[in-house]
Amino acid sequence: MLLEQGLDNSNLIVALAALDGIEAAEREIERQPARDKERLSAVLRRDTDGGNVNRPDSAG
């Protein structure tokens, strides 16, 4: 499983959504411990729009 290390896996869930789609990320969230599900769902909602992963601004 991609997200097993107990680290902050927020970026990993967004990367999974970008690579395999939102549905794959949602399935992975469902496999996570209850304490992480709400947080990861919020991250996924924040970083996606209309089924697409939001790209960070490239301006720096």
Protein backbone atom coordinates (compact mmCIF):
# COMPACT_ATOMS: atom_id res chain seq x y z
CA MET A 1 0.00 0.00 0.00
CA LEU A 2 1.28 3.43 -0.91
CA LEU A 3 0.42 5.20 2.33
CA GLU A 4 1.57 2.97 5.18
CA GLN A 5 4.51 4.76 6.75
CA GLY A 6 2.61 6.91 9.25
CA LEU A 7 4.15 10.04 7.79
CA ASP A 8 2.27 13.07 6.54
CA ASN A 9 0.83 11.45 3.43
CA SER A 10 -1.09 14.49 2.14
CA ASN A 11 1.22 14.99 -0.81
CA LEU A 12 1.11 11.29 -1.64
CA ILE A 13 -2.68 11.26 -1.90
CA VAL A 14 -2.58 14.23 -4.28
CA ALA A 15 0.18 12.57 -6.31
CA LEU A 16 -1.91 9.40 -6.53
CA ALA A 17 -4.85 11.47 -7.77
CA ALA A 18 -2.64 13.06 -10.42
CA LEU A 19 -1.21 9.75 -11.58
CA ASP A 20 -4.13 7.35 -11.26
CA GLY A 21 -7.18 9.60 -10.93
CA ILE A 22 -9.40 10.93 -8.20
CA GLU A 23 -11.18 7.60 -7.80
CA ALA A 24 -7.90 5.81 -7.05
CA ALA A 25 -7.07 8.42 -4.42
CA GLU A 26 -10.53 8.07 -2.87
CA ARG A 27 -10.13 4.28 -2.70
CA GLU A 28 -6.76 4.72 -1.01
CA ILE A 29 -8.26 7.14 1.51
CA GLU A 30 -10.90 4.51 2.39
CA ARG A 31 -8.09 2.06 3.25
CA GLN A 32 -6.51 4.50 5.71
CA PRO A 33 -7.05 4.53 9.47
CA ALA A 34 -10.16 6.42 10.58
CA ARG A 35 -8.07 9.21 12.12
CA ASP A 36 -6.59 10.05 8.69
CA LYS A 37 -9.65 9.74 6.44
CA GLU A 38 -11.19 13.15 7.13
CA ARG A 39 -7.87 14.97 6.82
CA LEU A 40 -6.93 13.24 3.56
CA SER A 41 -10.40 13.82 2.11
CA ALA A 42 -10.07 17.52 2.91
CA VAL A 43 -6.65 17.64 1.25
CA LEU A 44 -8.02 15.93 -1.84
CA ARG A 45 -10.96 18.36 -2.03
CA ARG A 46 -8.66 21.35 -1.56
CA ASP A 47 -6.18 20.24 -4.21
CA THR A 48 -8.64 19.12 -6.88
CA ASP A 49 -11.19 20.91 -9.01
CA GLY A 50 -13.72 19.22 -11.24
CA GLY A 51 -11.90 15.90 -11.11
CA ASN A 52 -8.53 17.45 -11.94
CA VAL A 53 -5.56 18.01 -9.67
CA ASN A 54 -4.77 21.71 -9.23
CA ARG A 55 -1.28 22.60 -10.33
CA PRO A 56 0.76 24.77 -7.99
CA ASP A 57 1.65 28.21 -9.26
CA SER A 58 4.92 28.08 -11.13
CA ALA A 59 5.68 31.73 -10.41
CA GLY A 60 8.18 32.08 -7.68
